[in-house]
Amino acid sequence: MKGHSAQLWKDPKERLPPGSHLPWSIWKTLNRLRTETGRTASNMKKWGIKEDGKCECGREQDVDHLFACPRLPIECGKEEFLTHEISDKAIQIVAYWEGKGI
């Protein structure tokens, strides 16, 4: 019986996405950007939490805007968030939006 149960139980291969070593607030925001489910101004308006769906820059703040806002400290595309390694550029963008409560 011992050999049989050993065959049934296997170590899981599941792993957390890159960036799990980062502080919780950054990790949370990183995953919101990855899954395109952030607390954007347009979402907050849709949910009845805010009256305005605009970013501080004056443009509509939807998910795509989070990667193209002119106030971002550096340019960074969505692909930076979907790789196996989290780039320093992506972390800077995440830190910016984390500071804005996204």
PDB file of N, CA and C in Angstrom:
ATOM      1  N   MET A   1       0.810  -1.191   0.000  1.00  0.00           N
ATOM      2  CA  MET A   1       0.000   0.000   0.000  1.00  0.00           C
ATOM      3  C   MET A   1       0.855   1.258   0.000  1.00  0.00           C
ATOM      4  N   LYS A   2       1.984   1.188   0.657  1.00  0.00           N
ATOM      5  CA  LYS A   2       2.843   2.361   0.760  1.00  0.00           C
ATOM      6  C   LYS A   2       3.260   2.870  -0.616  1.00  0.00           C
ATOM      7  N   GLY A   3       3.647   1.996  -1.505  1.00  0.00           N
ATOM      8  CA  GLY A   3       4.041   2.381  -2.856  1.00  0.00           C
ATOM      9  C   GLY A   3       2.892   2.948  -3.661  1.00  0.00           C
ATOM     10  N   HIS A   4       1.706   2.429  -3.435  1.00  0.00           N
ATOM     11  CA  HIS A   4       0.520   2.892  -4.158  1.00  0.00           C
ATOM     12  C   HIS A   4       0.180   4.343  -3.802  1.00  0.00           C
ATOM     13  N   SER A   5       0.170   4.672  -2.512  1.00  0.00           N
ATOM     14  CA  SER A   5      -0.168   6.043  -2.108  1.00  0.00           C
ATOM     15  C   SER A   5       0.919   7.026  -2.549  1.00  0.00           C
ATOM     16  N   ALA A   6       2.137   6.569  -2.604  1.00  0.00           N
ATOM     17  CA  ALA A   6       3.221   7.447  -3.071  1.00  0.00           C
ATOM     18  C   ALA A   6       3.027   7.806  -4.536  1.00  0.00           C
ATOM     19  N   GLN A   7       2.444   6.901  -5.305  1.00  0.00           N
ATOM     20  CA  GLN A   7       2.181   7.190  -6.708  1.00  0.00           C
ATOM     21  C   GLN A   7       1.033   8.178  -6.872  1.00  0.00           C
ATOM     22  N   LEU A   8       0.080   8.164  -5.954  1.00  0.00           N
ATOM     23  CA  LEU A   8      -1.069   9.064  -6.046  1.00  0.00           C
ATOM     24  C   LEU A   8      -0.703  10.493  -5.663  1.00  0.00           C
ATOM     25  N   TRP A   9       0.192  10.645  -4.738  1.00  0.00           N
ATOM     26  CA  TRP A   9       0.552  11.977  -4.250  1.00  0.00           C
ATOM     27  C   TRP A   9       1.769  12.490  -5.001  1.00  0.00           C
ATOM     28  N   LYS A  10       1.605  13.622  -5.635  1.00  0.00           N
ATOM     29  CA  LYS A  10       2.722  14.239  -6.351  1.00  0.00           C
ATOM     30  C   LYS A  10       2.855  15.669  -5.880  1.00  0.00           C
ATOM     31  N   ASP A  11       4.068  16.146  -5.884  1.00  0.00           N
ATOM     32  CA  ASP A  11       4.289  17.535  -5.509  1.00  0.00           C
ATOM     33  C   ASP A  11       3.660  18.453  -6.543  1.00  0.00           C
ATOM     34  N   PRO A  12       2.968  19.474  -6.090  1.00  0.00           N
ATOM     35  CA  PRO A  12       2.361  20.400  -7.059  1.00  0.00           C
ATOM     36  C   PRO A  12       3.426  21.172  -7.830  1.00  0.00           C
ATOM     37  N   LYS A  13       3.143  21.458  -9.076  1.00  0.00           N
ATOM     38  CA  LYS A  13       4.076  22.201  -9.918  1.00  0.00           C
ATOM     39  C   LYS A  13       3.698  23.678  -9.986  1.00  0.00           C
ATOM     40  N   GLU A  14       2.638  24.032  -9.298  1.00  0.00           N
ATOM     41  CA  GLU A  14       2.141  25.401  -9.346  1.00  0.00           C
ATOM     42  C   GLU A  14       3.097  26.335  -8.612  1.00  0.00           C
ATOM     43  N   ARG A  15       3.311  27.500  -9.215  1.00  0.00           N
ATOM     44  CA  ARG A  15       4.193  28.501  -8.607  1.00  0.00           C
ATOM     45  C   ARG A  15       3.541  29.873  -8.729  1.00  0.00           C
ATOM     46  N   LEU A  16       3.909  30.745  -7.844  1.00  0.00           N
ATOM     47  CA  LEU A  16       3.424  32.117  -7.927  1.00  0.00           C
ATOM     48  C   LEU A  16       4.097  32.811  -9.106  1.00  0.00           C
ATOM     49  N   PRO A  17       3.409  33.764  -9.730  1.00  0.00           N
ATOM     50  CA  PRO A  17       4.029  34.516 -10.825  1.00  0.00           C
ATOM     51  C   PRO A  17       5.218  35.331 -10.323  1.00  0.00           C
ATOM     52  N   PRO A  18       6.088  35.747 -11.224  1.00  0.00           N
ATOM     53  CA  PRO A  18       7.241  36.558 -10.838  1.00  0.00           C
ATOM     54  C   PRO A  18       6.799  37.820 -10.087  1.00  0.00           C
ATOM     55  N   GLY A  19       7.577  38.173  -9.100  1.00  0.00           N
ATOM     56  CA  GLY A  19       7.301  39.376  -8.321  1.00  0.00           C
ATOM     57  C   GLY A  19       6.766  39.080  -6.936  1.00  0.00           C
ATOM     58  N   SER A  20       6.549  37.810  -6.611  1.00  0.00           N
ATOM     59  CA  SER A  20       5.977  37.463  -5.317  1.00  0.00           C
ATOM     60  C   SER A  20       6.906  37.820  -4.155  1.00  0.00           C
ATOM     61  N   HIS A  21       8.151  38.104  -4.442  1.00  0.00           N
ATOM     62  CA  HIS A  21       9.115  38.499  -3.416  1.00  0.00           C
ATOM     63  C   HIS A  21       8.976  39.976  -3.031  1.00  0.00           C
ATOM     64  N   LEU A  22       8.202  40.720  -3.808  1.00  0.00           N
ATOM     65  CA  LEU A  22       8.039  42.163  -3.578  1.00  0.00           C
ATOM     66  C   LEU A  22       7.103  42.421  -2.396  1.00  0.00           C
ATOM     67  N   PRO A  23       7.153  43.630  -1.819  1.00  0.00           N
ATOM     68  CA  PRO A  23       6.220  43.962  -0.736  1.00  0.00           C
ATOM     69  C   PRO A  23       4.764  43.777  -1.183  1.00  0.00           C
ATOM     70  N   TRP A  24       3.896  43.435  -0.222  1.00  0.00           N
ATOM     71  CA  TRP A  24       2.502  43.104  -0.528  1.00  0.00           C
ATOM     72  C   TRP A  24       1.812  44.169  -1.371  1.00  0.00           C
ATOM     73  N   SER A  25       1.935  45.431  -1.030  1.00  0.00           N
ATOM     74  CA  SER A  25       1.221  46.481  -1.769  1.00  0.00           C
ATOM     75  C   SER A  25       1.671  46.542  -3.232  1.00  0.00           C
ATOM     76  N   ILE A  26       2.952  46.312  -3.487  1.00  0.00           N
ATOM     77  CA  ILE A  26       3.472  46.298  -4.850  1.00  0.00           C
ATOM     78  C   ILE A  26       2.992  45.035  -5.566  1.00  0.00           C
ATOM     79  N   TRP A  27       3.055  43.900  -4.890  1.00  0.00           N
ATOM     80  CA  TRP A  27       2.612  42.617  -5.452  1.00  0.00           C
ATOM     81  C   TRP A  27       1.148  42.692  -5.850  1.00  0.00           C
ATOM     82  N   LYS A  28       0.328  43.262  -4.983  1.00  0.00           N
ATOM     83  CA  LYS A  28      -1.110  43.390  -5.252  1.00  0.00           C
ATOM     84  C   LYS A  28      -1.349  44.252  -6.486  1.00  0.00           C
ATOM     85  N   THR A  29      -0.680  45.393  -6.561  1.00  0.00           N
ATOM     86  CA  THR A  29      -0.847  46.287  -7.707  1.00  0.00           C
ATOM     87  C   THR A  29      -0.305  45.650  -8.977  1.00  0.00           C
ATOM     88  N   LEU A  30       0.805  44.950  -8.880  1.00  0.00           N
ATOM     89  CA  LEU A  30       1.368  44.242 -10.029  1.00  0.00           C
ATOM     90  C   LEU A  30       0.346  43.263 -10.604  1.00  0.00           C
ATOM     91  N   ASN A  31      -0.307  42.519  -9.750  1.00  0.00           N
ATOM     92  CA  ASN A  31      -1.293  41.555 -10.225  1.00  0.00           C
ATOM     93  C   ASN A  31      -2.539  42.238 -10.766  1.00  0.00           C
ATOM     94  N   ARG A  32      -2.905  43.375 -10.236  1.00  0.00           N
ATOM     95  CA  ARG A  32      -4.026  44.137 -10.799  1.00  0.00           C
ATOM     96  C   ARG A  32      -3.692  44.604 -12.216  1.00  0.00           C
ATOM     97  N   LEU A  33      -2.457  45.010 -12.436  1.00  0.00           N
ATOM     98  CA  LEU A  33      -2.052  45.426 -13.782  1.00  0.00           C
ATOM     99  C   LEU A  33      -1.973  44.218 -14.717  1.00  0.00           C
ATOM    100  N   ARG A  34      -1.446  43.114 -14.234  1.00  0.00           N
ATOM    101  CA  ARG A  34      -1.333  41.908 -15.056  1.00  0.00           C
ATOM    102  C   ARG A  34      -2.694  41.410 -15.523  1.00  0.00           C
ATOM    103  N   THR A  35      -3.659  41.446 -14.622  1.00  0.00           N
ATOM    104  CA  THR A  35      -4.977  40.903 -14.931  1.00  0.00           C
ATOM    105  C   THR A  35      -5.936  41.962 -15.471  1.00  0.00           C
ATOM    106  N   GLU A  36      -5.439  43.182 -15.593  1.00  0.00           N
ATOM    107  CA  GLU A  36      -6.218  44.311 -16.109  1.00  0.00           C
ATOM    108  C   GLU A  36      -7.508  44.522 -15.313  1.00  0.00           C
ATOM    109  N   THR A  37      -7.381  44.441 -13.989  1.00  0.00           N
ATOM    110  CA  THR A  37      -8.538  44.638 -13.116  1.00  0.00           C
ATOM    111  C   THR A  37      -8.233  45.640 -12.015  1.00  0.00           C
ATOM    112  N   GLY A  38      -7.572  46.709 -12.349  1.00  0.00           N
ATOM    113  CA  GLY A  38      -7.204  47.696 -11.356  1.00  0.00           C
ATOM    114  C   GLY A  38      -8.349  48.585 -10.921  1.00  0.00           C
ATOM    115  N   ARG A  39      -8.093  49.314  -9.867  1.00  0.00           N
ATOM    116  CA  ARG A  39      -9.056  50.284  -9.365  1.00  0.00           C
ATOM    117  C   ARG A  39      -8.888  51.594 -10.136  1.00  0.00           C
ATOM    118  N   THR A  40      -9.121  51.535 -11.425  1.00  0.00           N
ATOM    119  CA  THR A  40      -8.986  52.716 -12.265  1.00  0.00           C
ATOM    120  C   THR A  40     -10.112  53.689 -11.972  1.00  0.00           C
ATOM    121  N   ALA A  41      -9.916  54.942 -12.348  1.00  0.00           N
ATOM    122  CA  ALA A  41     -10.957  55.953 -12.136  1.00  0.00           C
ATOM    123  C   ALA A  41     -12.226  55.599 -12.900  1.00  0.00           C
ATOM    124  N   SER A  42     -12.077  55.052 -14.104  1.00  0.00           N
ATOM    125  CA  SER A  42     -13.275  54.692 -14.875  1.00  0.00           C
ATOM    126  C   SER A  42     -14.022  53.535 -14.205  1.00  0.00           C
ATOM    127  N   ASN A  43     -13.297  52.562 -13.640  1.00  0.00           N
ATOM    128  CA  ASN A  43     -13.963  51.488 -12.895  1.00  0.00           C
ATOM    129  C   ASN A  43     -14.641  52.032 -11.644  1.00  0.00           C
ATOM    130  N   MET A  44     -13.964  52.910 -10.933  1.00  0.00           N
ATOM    131  CA  MET A  44     -14.530  53.493  -9.709  1.00  0.00           C
ATOM    132  C   MET A  44     -15.799  54.285 -10.039  1.00  0.00           C
ATOM    133  N   LYS A  45     -15.806  54.956 -11.179  1.00  0.00           N
ATOM    134  CA  LYS A  45     -17.010  55.668 -11.611  1.00  0.00           C
ATOM    135  C   LYS A  45     -18.122  54.663 -11.925  1.00  0.00           C
ATOM    136  N   LYS A  46     -17.776  53.612 -12.646  1.00  0.00           N
ATOM    137  CA  LYS A  46     -18.749  52.577 -13.013  1.00  0.00           C
ATOM    138  C   LYS A  46     -19.345  51.929 -11.760  1.00  0.00           C
ATOM    139  N   TRP A  47     -18.534  51.757 -10.715  1.00  0.00           N
ATOM    140  CA  TRP A  47     -18.990  51.124  -9.483  1.00  0.00           C
ATOM    141  C   TRP A  47     -19.710  52.105  -8.552  1.00  0.00           C
ATOM    142  N   GLY A  48     -19.795  53.385  -8.958  1.00  0.00           N
ATOM    143  CA  GLY A  48     -20.490  54.384  -8.150  1.00  0.00           C
ATOM    144  C   GLY A  48     -19.680  54.931  -6.992  1.00  0.00           C
ATOM    145  N   ILE A  49     -18.367  54.764  -7.041  1.00  0.00           N
ATOM    146  CA  ILE A  49     -17.489  55.231  -5.959  1.00  0.00           C
ATOM    147  C   ILE A  49     -16.958  56.630  -6.254  1.00  0.00           C
ATOM    148  N   LYS A  50     -16.740  56.929  -7.535  1.00  0.00           N
ATOM    149  CA  LYS A  50     -16.259  58.245  -7.957  1.00  0.00           C
ATOM    150  C   LYS A  50     -17.239  58.835  -8.964  1.00  0.00           C
ATOM    151  N   GLU A  51     -17.226  60.142  -9.033  1.00  0.00           N
ATOM    152  CA  GLU A  51     -18.087  60.815 -10.008  1.00  0.00           C
ATOM    153  C   GLU A  51     -17.401  61.005 -11.352  1.00  0.00           C
ATOM    154  N   ASP A  52     -16.065  60.948 -11.351  1.00  0.00           N
ATOM    155  CA  ASP A  52     -15.287  61.237 -12.545  1.00  0.00           C
ATOM    156  C   ASP A  52     -14.388  60.056 -12.878  1.00  0.00           C
ATOM    157  N   GLY A  53     -14.275  59.705 -14.147  1.00  0.00           N
ATOM    158  CA  GLY A  53     -13.421  58.603 -14.581  1.00  0.00           C
ATOM    159  C   GLY A  53     -12.092  59.062 -15.139  1.00  0.00           C
ATOM    160  N   LYS A  54     -11.689  60.267 -14.797  1.00  0.00           N
ATOM    161  CA  LYS A  54     -10.471  60.849 -15.363  1.00  0.00           C
ATOM    162  C   LYS A  54      -9.255  60.639 -14.461  1.00  0.00           C
ATOM    163  N   CYS A  55      -8.121  60.548 -15.110  1.00  0.00           N
ATOM    164  CA  CYS A  55      -6.819  60.494 -14.451  1.00  0.00           C
ATOM    165  C   CYS A  55      -6.400  61.922 -14.085  1.00  0.00           C
ATOM    166  N   GLU A  56      -5.369  62.050 -13.271  1.00  0.00           N
ATOM    167  CA  GLU A  56      -4.817  63.369 -12.948  1.00  0.00           C
ATOM    168  C   GLU A  56      -4.339  64.103 -14.197  1.00  0.00           C
ATOM    169  N   CYS A  57      -3.989  63.341 -15.238  1.00  0.00           N
ATOM    170  CA  CYS A  57      -3.492  63.955 -16.476  1.00  0.00           C
ATOM    171  C   CYS A  57      -4.647  64.505 -17.322  1.00  0.00           C
ATOM    172  N   GLY A  58      -5.894  64.188 -16.951  1.00  0.00           N
ATOM    173  CA  GLY A  58      -7.055  64.698 -17.673  1.00  0.00           C
ATOM    174  C   GLY A  58      -7.679  63.720 -18.651  1.00  0.00           C
ATOM    175  N   ARG A  59      -7.008  62.612 -18.909  1.00  0.00           N
ATOM    176  CA  ARG A  59      -7.539  61.608 -19.829  1.00  0.00           C
ATOM    177  C   ARG A  59      -8.357  60.566 -19.063  1.00  0.00           C
ATOM    178  N   GLU A  60      -9.191  59.842 -19.800  1.00  0.00           N
ATOM    179  CA  GLU A  60      -9.960  58.756 -19.196  1.00  0.00           C
ATOM    180  C   GLU A  60      -8.985  57.707 -18.655  1.00  0.00           C
ATOM    181  N   GLN A  61      -9.168  57.319 -17.405  1.00  0.00           N
ATOM    182  CA  GLN A  61      -8.247  56.372 -16.783  1.00  0.00           C
ATOM    183  C   GLN A  61      -8.855  54.973 -16.794  1.00  0.00           C
ATOM    184  N   ASP A  62      -8.684  54.293 -17.930  1.00  0.00           N
ATOM    185  CA  ASP A  62      -9.090  52.896 -18.027  1.00  0.00           C
ATOM    186  C   ASP A  62      -7.833  52.037 -17.917  1.00  0.00           C
ATOM    187  N   VAL A  63      -7.975  50.747 -18.072  1.00  0.00           N
ATOM    188  CA  VAL A  63      -6.835  49.836 -17.905  1.00  0.00           C
ATOM    189  C   VAL A  63      -5.713  50.157 -18.888  1.00  0.00           C
ATOM    190  N   ASP A  64      -6.042  50.412 -20.144  1.00  0.00           N
ATOM    191  CA  ASP A  64      -4.999  50.728 -21.132  1.00  0.00           C
ATOM    192  C   ASP A  64      -4.237  51.993 -20.770  1.00  0.00           C
ATOM    193  N   HIS A  65      -4.928  52.925 -20.143  1.00  0.00           N
ATOM    194  CA  HIS A  65      -4.288  54.182 -19.749  1.00  0.00           C
ATOM    195  C   HIS A  65      -3.178  53.954 -18.721  1.00  0.00           C
ATOM    196  N   LEU A  66      -3.315  52.924 -17.900  1.00  0.00           N
ATOM    197  CA  LEU A  66      -2.317  52.655 -16.871  1.00  0.00           C
ATOM    198  C   LEU A  66      -0.939  52.360 -17.450  1.00  0.00           C
ATOM    199  N   PHE A  67      -0.897  51.978 -18.721  1.00  0.00           N
ATOM    200  CA  PHE A  67       0.380  51.693 -19.374  1.00  0.00           C
ATOM    201  C   PHE A  67       0.837  52.844 -20.272  1.00  0.00           C
ATOM    202  N   ALA A  68      -0.011  53.872 -20.440  1.00  0.00           N
ATOM    203  CA  ALA A  68       0.319  54.941 -21.392  1.00  0.00           C
ATOM    204  C   ALA A  68       0.141  56.338 -20.826  1.00  0.00           C
ATOM    205  N   CYS A  69      -0.105  56.474 -19.550  1.00  0.00           N
ATOM    206  CA  CYS A  69      -0.311  57.804 -18.954  1.00  0.00           C
ATOM    207  C   CYS A  69       0.947  58.656 -19.152  1.00  0.00           C
ATOM    208  N   PRO A  70       0.776  59.912 -19.575  1.00  0.00           N
ATOM    209  CA  PRO A  70       1.952  60.766 -19.769  1.00  0.00           C
ATOM    210  C   PRO A  70       2.676  61.110 -18.469  1.00  0.00           C
ATOM    211  N   ARG A  71       2.064  60.856 -17.341  1.00  0.00           N
ATOM    212  CA  ARG A  71       2.709  61.143 -16.050  1.00  0.00           C
ATOM    213  C   ARG A  71       3.570  60.000 -15.527  1.00  0.00           C
ATOM    214  N   LEU A  72       3.599  58.890 -16.235  1.00  0.00           N
ATOM    215  CA  LEU A  72       4.424  57.763 -15.795  1.00  0.00           C
ATOM    216  C   LEU A  72       5.897  58.171 -15.790  1.00  0.00           C
ATOM    217  N   PRO A  73       6.666  57.662 -14.840  1.00  0.00           N
ATOM    218  CA  PRO A  73       8.083  58.032 -14.765  1.00  0.00           C
ATOM    219  C   PRO A  73       8.912  57.529 -15.947  1.00  0.00           C
ATOM    220  N   ILE A  74       8.499  56.426 -16.560  1.00  0.00           N
ATOM    221  CA  ILE A  74       9.187  55.861 -17.726  1.00  0.00           C
ATOM    222  C   ILE A  74       8.154  55.188 -18.623  1.00  0.00           C
ATOM    223  N   GLU A  75       8.527  54.935 -19.873  1.00  0.00           N
ATOM    224  CA  GLU A  75       7.647  54.189 -20.782  1.00  0.00           C
ATOM    225  C   GLU A  75       7.800  52.700 -20.512  1.00  0.00           C
ATOM    226  N   CYS A  76       6.666  52.021 -20.531  1.00  0.00           N
ATOM    227  CA  CYS A  76       6.684  50.591 -20.256  1.00  0.00           C
ATOM    228  C   CYS A  76       5.435  49.974 -20.856  1.00  0.00           C
ATOM    229  N   GLY A  77       5.594  48.947 -21.678  1.00  0.00           N
ATOM    230  CA  GLY A  77       4.453  48.306 -22.312  1.00  0.00           C
ATOM    231  C   GLY A  77       3.891  47.166 -21.480  1.00  0.00           C
ATOM    232  N   LYS A  78       2.716  46.710 -21.855  1.00  0.00           N
ATOM    233  CA  LYS A  78       2.058  45.599 -21.160  1.00  0.00           C
ATOM    234  C   LYS A  78       2.923  44.347 -21.145  1.00  0.00           C
ATOM    235  N   GLU A  79       3.683  44.160 -22.214  1.00  0.00           N
ATOM    236  CA  GLU A  79       4.502  42.949 -22.310  1.00  0.00           C
ATOM    237  C   GLU A  79       5.517  42.832 -21.171  1.00  0.00           C
ATOM    238  N   GLU A  80       5.899  43.965 -20.576  1.00  0.00           N
ATOM    239  CA  GLU A  80       6.842  43.959 -19.451  1.00  0.00           C
ATOM    240  C   GLU A  80       6.253  43.234 -18.234  1.00  0.00           C
ATOM    241  N   PHE A  81       4.936  43.140 -18.171  1.00  0.00           N
ATOM    242  CA  PHE A  81       4.257  42.553 -17.022  1.00  0.00           C
ATOM    243  C   PHE A  81       3.929  41.076 -17.222  1.00  0.00           C
ATOM    244  N   LEU A  82       4.101  40.583 -18.435  1.00  0.00           N
ATOM    245  CA  LEU A  82       3.697  39.220 -18.753  1.00  0.00           C
ATOM    246  C   LEU A  82       4.870  38.279 -18.977  1.00  0.00           C
ATOM    247  N   THR A  83       6.072  38.745 -18.724  1.00  0.00           N
ATOM    248  CA  THR A  83       7.262  37.912 -18.931  1.00  0.00           C
ATOM    249  C   THR A  83       7.539  37.073 -17.685  1.00  0.00           C
ATOM    250  N   HIS A  84       8.482  36.176 -17.800  1.00  0.00           N
ATOM    251  CA  HIS A  84       8.840  35.307 -16.680  1.00  0.00           C
ATOM    252  C   HIS A  84       9.675  36.035 -15.639  1.00  0.00           C
ATOM    253  N   GLU A  85      10.239  37.149 -16.017  1.00  0.00           N
ATOM    254  CA  GLU A  85      11.018  37.965 -15.087  1.00  0.00           C
ATOM    255  C   GLU A  85      10.381  39.349 -15.033  1.00  0.00           C
ATOM    256  N   ILE A  86      10.277  39.902 -13.855  1.00  0.00           N
ATOM    257  CA  ILE A  86       9.722  41.245 -13.697  1.00  0.00           C
ATOM    258  C   ILE A  86      10.869  42.238 -13.884  1.00  0.00           C
ATOM    259  N   SER A  87      10.696  43.151 -14.802  1.00  0.00           N
ATOM    260  CA  SER A  87      11.754  44.121 -15.092  1.00  0.00           C
ATOM    261  C   SER A  87      11.710  45.276 -14.092  1.00  0.00           C
ATOM    262  N   ASP A  88      12.837  45.974 -13.993  1.00  0.00           N
ATOM    263  CA  ASP A  88      12.896  47.162 -13.141  1.00  0.00           C
ATOM    264  C   ASP A  88      11.919  48.224 -13.632  1.00  0.00           C
ATOM    265  N   LYS A  89      11.745  48.313 -14.960  1.00  0.00           N
ATOM    266  CA  LYS A  89      10.785  49.275 -15.522  1.00  0.00           C
ATOM    267  C   LYS A  89       9.376  48.964 -15.044  1.00  0.00           C
ATOM    268  N   ALA A  90       8.997  47.706 -15.088  1.00  0.00           N
ATOM    269  CA  ALA A  90       7.658  47.308 -14.652  1.00  0.00           C
ATOM    270  C   ALA A  90       7.467  47.616 -13.170  1.00  0.00           C
ATOM    271  N   ILE A  91       8.473  47.364 -12.364  1.00  0.00           N
ATOM    272  CA  ILE A  91       8.372  47.641 -10.928  1.00  0.00           C
ATOM    273  C   ILE A  91       8.208  49.136 -10.684  1.00  0.00           C
ATOM    274  N   GLN A  92       8.883  49.975 -11.463  1.00  0.00           N
ATOM    275  CA  GLN A  92       8.725  51.429 -11.319  1.00  0.00           C
ATOM    276  C   GLN A  92       7.294  51.866 -11.647  1.00  0.00           C
ATOM    277  N   ILE A  93       6.722  51.286 -12.697  1.00  0.00           N
ATOM    278  CA  ILE A  93       5.348  51.605 -13.081  1.00  0.00           C
ATOM    279  C   ILE A  93       4.389  51.147 -11.992  1.00  0.00           C
ATOM    280  N   VAL A  94       4.592  49.943 -11.489  1.00  0.00           N
ATOM    281  CA  VAL A  94       3.744  49.413 -10.422  1.00  0.00           C
ATOM    282  C   VAL A  94       3.820  50.300  -9.185  1.00  0.00           C
ATOM    283  N   ALA A  95       5.029  50.705  -8.816  1.00  0.00           N
ATOM    284  CA  ALA A  95       5.196  51.567  -7.640  1.00  0.00           C
ATOM    285  C   ALA A  95       4.473  52.902  -7.837  1.00  0.00           C
ATOM    286  N   TYR A  96       4.516  53.440  -9.051  1.00  0.00           N
ATOM    287  CA  TYR A  96       3.820  54.694  -9.340  1.00  0.00           C
ATOM    288  C   TYR A  96       2.321  54.529  -9.102  1.00  0.00           C
ATOM    289  N   TRP A  97       1.720  53.482  -9.690  1.00  0.00           N
ATOM    290  CA  TRP A  97       0.276  53.279  -9.564  1.00  0.00           C
ATOM    291  C   TRP A  97      -0.113  52.839  -8.162  1.00  0.00           C
ATOM    292  N   GLU A  98       0.758  52.116  -7.498  1.00  0.00           N
ATOM    293  CA  GLU A  98       0.475  51.723  -6.108  1.00  0.00           C
ATOM    294  C   GLU A  98       0.336  52.974  -5.245  1.00  0.00           C
ATOM    295  N   GLY A  99       1.184  53.950  -5.510  1.00  0.00           N
ATOM    296  CA  GLY A  99       1.116  55.219  -4.785  1.00  0.00           C
ATOM    297  C   GLY A  99      -0.167  56.001  -5.074  1.00  0.00           C
ATOM    298  N   LYS A 100      -0.814  55.678  -6.175  1.00  0.00           N
ATOM    299  CA  LYS A 100      -2.072  56.343  -6.564  1.00  0.00           C
ATOM    300  C   LYS A 100      -3.290  55.520  -6.149  1.00  0.00           C
ATOM    301  N   GLY A 101      -3.069  54.361  -5.509  1.00  0.00           N
ATOM    302  CA  GLY A 101      -4.170  53.548  -5.010  1.00  0.00           C
ATOM    303  C   GLY A 101      -4.839  52.634  -6.026  1.00  0.00           C
ATOM    304  N   ILE A 102      -4.140  52.346  -7.118  1.00  0.00           N
ATOM    305  CA  ILE A 102      -4.738  51.485  -8.165  1.00  0.00           C
ATOM    306  C   ILE A 102      -4.808  50.056  -7.688  1.00  0.00           C
TER     307      ILE A 102
END
